[in-house]
Amino acid sequence: MTGTLYSDAYAAFVEVVVAARRTAGLTQADLASRLHRPQSFVSKSERKERRLDVVEFVEIAEALALSPAELFARVLAALPGVVSEDRAQDPREGIRNAKSSVEKKETPRGRKR
C-alpha cells in the first residue's frame, strides 16, 4: 500500500475540505489570509503535497465558519467504505467507541490501563 498521503481516504478528506472552501466562496488566497499562512500552504494541502494535522483541520474549519464537528461529519460521510452511515451522522459516536476501546485495552501483564 502506498502512504496515506495517496490513499483514497485521504483524497476524499481533501476533496471535502476543498469543497467546503469553494462553497464558502473563498479562494485559496482568501483562506490562507484567514489562516495567517501563505497561499502555498493551502495549495500544497489541496494538492496533497502536504498533510494536514488535526490542529490545522480545526483552524481551517473555523476559517470556513464551520464547526470542526460539522466538517468532520462531512469527511466521515465521504470516506470510501470506511465508515458506516450511522457513524457519519454522529462523529462523536466514533470517538466514544475509540475511547471505550482504549479504556478496555490491557497491558502485557494482563492489567488494565
C-alpha atoms as a PDB file:
ATOM      1  CA  MET A   1       0.000   0.000   0.000  1.00  0.00           C
ATOM      2  CA  THR A   2       1.209   3.486  -0.726  1.00  0.00           C
ATOM      3  CA  GLY A   3       1.462   6.102   2.003  1.00  0.00           C
ATOM      4  CA  THR A   4      -1.639   7.684   3.475  1.00  0.00           C
ATOM      5  CA  LEU A   5      -0.970  10.886   1.550  1.00  0.00           C
ATOM      6  CA  TYR A   6      -2.003   8.973  -1.557  1.00  0.00           C
ATOM      7  CA  SER A   7      -4.788   6.801  -0.148  1.00  0.00           C
ATOM      8  CA  ASP A   8      -8.353   7.028  -1.404  1.00  0.00           C
ATOM      9  CA  ALA A   9      -9.454   8.002   2.105  1.00  0.00           C
ATOM     10  CA  TYR A  10      -7.017  10.924   2.286  1.00  0.00           C
ATOM     11  CA  ALA A  11      -8.051  12.049  -1.204  1.00  0.00           C
ATOM     12  CA  ALA A  12     -11.701  12.032  -0.059  1.00  0.00           C
ATOM     13  CA  PHE A  13     -10.711  14.036   3.031  1.00  0.00           C
ATOM     14  CA  VAL A  14      -9.007  16.690   0.904  1.00  0.00           C
ATOM     15  CA  GLU A  15     -11.919  16.814  -1.543  1.00  0.00           C
ATOM     16  CA  VAL A  16     -14.309  17.596   1.322  1.00  0.00           C
ATOM     17  CA  VAL A  17     -12.075  20.394   2.607  1.00  0.00           C
ATOM     18  CA  VAL A  18     -11.712  21.872  -0.904  1.00  0.00           C
ATOM     19  CA  ALA A  19     -15.480  21.661  -1.490  1.00  0.00           C
ATOM     20  CA  ALA A  20     -16.115  23.435   1.820  1.00  0.00           C
ATOM     21  CA  ARG A  21     -13.726  26.217   0.826  1.00  0.00           C
ATOM     22  CA  ARG A  22     -15.390  26.644  -2.538  1.00  0.00           C
ATOM     23  CA  THR A  23     -18.889  26.527  -1.005  1.00  0.00           C
ATOM     24  CA  ALA A  24     -17.801  29.322   1.344  1.00  0.00           C
ATOM     25  CA  GLY A  25     -16.902  31.316  -1.781  1.00  0.00           C
ATOM     26  CA  LEU A  26     -13.236  31.578  -0.844  1.00  0.00           C
ATOM     27  CA  THR A  27     -10.151  31.355  -2.997  1.00  0.00           C
ATOM     28  CA  GLN A  28      -7.022  29.655  -1.745  1.00  0.00           C
ATOM     29  CA  ALA A  29      -5.578  33.112  -1.087  1.00  0.00           C
ATOM     30  CA  ASP A  30      -8.672  34.125   0.913  1.00  0.00           C
ATOM     31  CA  LEU A  31      -8.440  31.046   3.105  1.00  0.00           C
ATOM     32  CA  ALA A  32      -4.698  31.470   3.551  1.00  0.00           C
ATOM     33  CA  SER A  33      -5.257  35.055   4.672  1.00  0.00           C
ATOM     34  CA  ARG A  34      -7.795  33.943   7.270  1.00  0.00           C
ATOM     35  CA  LEU A  35      -5.322  31.325   8.500  1.00  0.00           C
ATOM     36  CA  HIS A  36      -2.412  33.816   8.569  1.00  0.00           C
ATOM     37  CA  ARG A  37      -0.480  31.455   6.310  1.00  0.00           C
ATOM     38  CA  PRO A  38       0.929  31.765   2.797  1.00  0.00           C
ATOM     39  CA  GLN A  39      -1.268  30.755  -0.130  1.00  0.00           C
ATOM     40  CA  SER A  40       1.187  27.934  -0.828  1.00  0.00           C
ATOM     41  CA  PHE A  41       0.114  26.281   2.464  1.00  0.00           C
ATOM     42  CA  VAL A  42      -3.438  25.919   1.137  1.00  0.00           C
ATOM     43  CA  SER A  43      -2.270  24.975  -2.355  1.00  0.00           C
ATOM     44  CA  LYS A  44       0.111  22.252  -1.160  1.00  0.00           C
ATOM     45  CA  SER A  45      -2.527  20.877   1.201  1.00  0.00           C
ATOM     46  CA  GLU A  46      -5.135  20.745  -1.551  1.00  0.00           C
ATOM     47  CA  ARG A  47      -2.692  19.093  -3.981  1.00  0.00           C
ATOM     48  CA  LYS A  48      -1.834  16.523  -1.290  1.00  0.00           C
ATOM     49  CA  GLU A  49       1.790  17.601  -1.220  1.00  0.00           C
ATOM     50  CA  ARG A  50       1.401  18.386   2.459  1.00  0.00           C
ATOM     51  CA  ARG A  51      -0.644  16.587   5.127  1.00  0.00           C
ATOM     52  CA  LEU A  52      -2.983  18.478   7.396  1.00  0.00           C
ATOM     53  CA  ASP A  53      -2.831  17.704  11.087  1.00  0.00           C
ATOM     54  CA  VAL A  54      -5.815  17.859  13.420  1.00  0.00           C
ATOM     55  CA  VAL A  55      -4.970  21.349  14.727  1.00  0.00           C
ATOM     56  CA  GLU A  56      -4.757  22.697  11.174  1.00  0.00           C
ATOM     57  CA  PHE A  57      -8.049  20.941  10.340  1.00  0.00           C
ATOM     58  CA  VAL A  58      -9.748  22.747  13.245  1.00  0.00           C
ATOM     59  CA  GLU A  59      -8.253  26.087  12.154  1.00  0.00           C
ATOM     60  CA  ILE A  60      -9.470  25.538   8.582  1.00  0.00           C
ATOM     61  CA  ALA A  61     -12.980  24.603   9.719  1.00  0.00           C
ATOM     62  CA  GLU A  62     -13.193  27.740  11.827  1.00  0.00           C
ATOM     63  CA  ALA A  63     -11.809  29.886   8.985  1.00  0.00           C
ATOM     64  CA  LEU A  64     -14.610  28.491   6.815  1.00  0.00           C
ATOM     65  CA  ALA A  65     -17.178  29.420   9.511  1.00  0.00           C
ATOM     66  CA  LEU A  66     -17.916  25.741  10.159  1.00  0.00           C
ATOM     67  CA  SER A  67     -17.662  23.838  13.386  1.00  0.00           C
ATOM     68  CA  PRO A  68     -14.892  21.255  13.267  1.00  0.00           C
ATOM     69  CA  ALA A  69     -17.530  18.615  14.103  1.00  0.00           C
ATOM     70  CA  GLU A  70     -19.627  19.587  11.065  1.00  0.00           C
ATOM     71  CA  LEU A  71     -16.660  19.471   8.710  1.00  0.00           C
ATOM     72  CA  PHE A  72     -15.521  16.176  10.229  1.00  0.00           C
ATOM     73  CA  ALA A  73     -19.019  14.706   9.750  1.00  0.00           C
ATOM     74  CA  ARG A  74     -18.748  15.618   6.065  1.00  0.00           C
ATOM     75  CA  VAL A  75     -15.363  13.893   5.900  1.00  0.00           C
ATOM     76  CA  LEU A  76     -16.723  10.745   7.544  1.00  0.00           C
ATOM     77  CA  ALA A  77     -19.652  10.659   5.134  1.00  0.00           C
ATOM     78  CA  ALA A  78     -17.250  10.909   2.172  1.00  0.00           C
ATOM     79  CA  LEU A  79     -14.777   8.223   3.215  1.00  0.00           C
ATOM     80  CA  PRO A  80     -14.984   5.352   0.724  1.00  0.00           C
ATOM     81  CA  GLY A  81     -16.196   2.223   2.509  1.00  0.00           C
ATOM     82  CA  VAL A  82     -14.519   3.155   5.780  1.00  0.00           C
ATOM     83  CA  VAL A  83     -17.364   4.459   7.892  1.00  0.00           C
ATOM     84  CA  SER A  84     -20.912   3.246   8.322  1.00  0.00           C
ATOM     85  CA  GLU A  85     -23.711   5.698   7.633  1.00  0.00           C
ATOM     86  CA  ASP A  86     -24.696   5.720  11.318  1.00  0.00           C
ATOM     87  CA  ARG A  87     -21.236   6.896  12.407  1.00  0.00           C
ATOM     88  CA  ALA A  88     -21.185   9.527   9.680  1.00  0.00           C
ATOM     89  CA  GLN A  89     -24.356  11.019  11.178  1.00  0.00           C
ATOM     90  CA  ASP A  90     -22.766  11.444  14.615  1.00  0.00           C
ATOM     91  CA  PRO A  91     -18.956  11.674  14.601  1.00  0.00           C
ATOM     92  CA  ARG A  92     -18.957  11.666  18.406  1.00  0.00           C
ATOM     93  CA  GLU A  93     -20.092   8.044  18.315  1.00  0.00           C
ATOM     94  CA  GLY A  94     -16.831   7.035  16.657  1.00  0.00           C
ATOM     95  CA  ILE A  95     -14.928   8.968  19.306  1.00  0.00           C
ATOM     96  CA  ARG A  96     -16.874   7.255  22.101  1.00  0.00           C
ATOM     97  CA  ASN A  97     -16.202   3.838  20.566  1.00  0.00           C
ATOM     98  CA  ALA A  98     -12.487   4.567  20.216  1.00  0.00           C
ATOM     99  CA  LYS A  99     -12.270   5.854  23.790  1.00  0.00           C
ATOM    100  CA  SER A 100     -14.075   2.787  25.098  1.00  0.00           C
ATOM    101  CA  SER A 101     -11.709   0.536  23.164  1.00  0.00           C
ATOM    102  CA  VAL A 102      -8.645   2.272  24.633  1.00  0.00           C
ATOM    103  CA  GLU A 103     -10.028   2.004  28.170  1.00  0.00           C
ATOM    104  CA  LYS A 104     -10.513  -1.763  27.771  1.00  0.00           C
ATOM    105  CA  LYS A 105      -7.007  -2.480  26.485  1.00  0.00           C
ATOM    106  CA  GLU A 106      -4.766  -4.404  28.807  1.00  0.00           C
ATOM    107  CA  THR A 107      -1.063  -4.145  29.433  1.00  0.00           C
ATOM    108  CA  PRO A 108       1.209  -7.071  28.508  1.00  0.00           C
ATOM    109  CA  ARG A 109       0.946  -8.343  32.087  1.00  0.00           C
ATOM    110  CA  GLY A 110      -2.813  -8.594  31.911  1.00  0.00           C
ATOM    111  CA  ARG A 111      -3.614  -5.427  33.853  1.00  0.00           C
ATOM    112  CA  LYS A 112      -5.980  -2.827  32.545  1.00  0.00           C
ATOM    113  CA  ARG A 113      -4.553   0.528  31.642  1.00  0.00           C
END
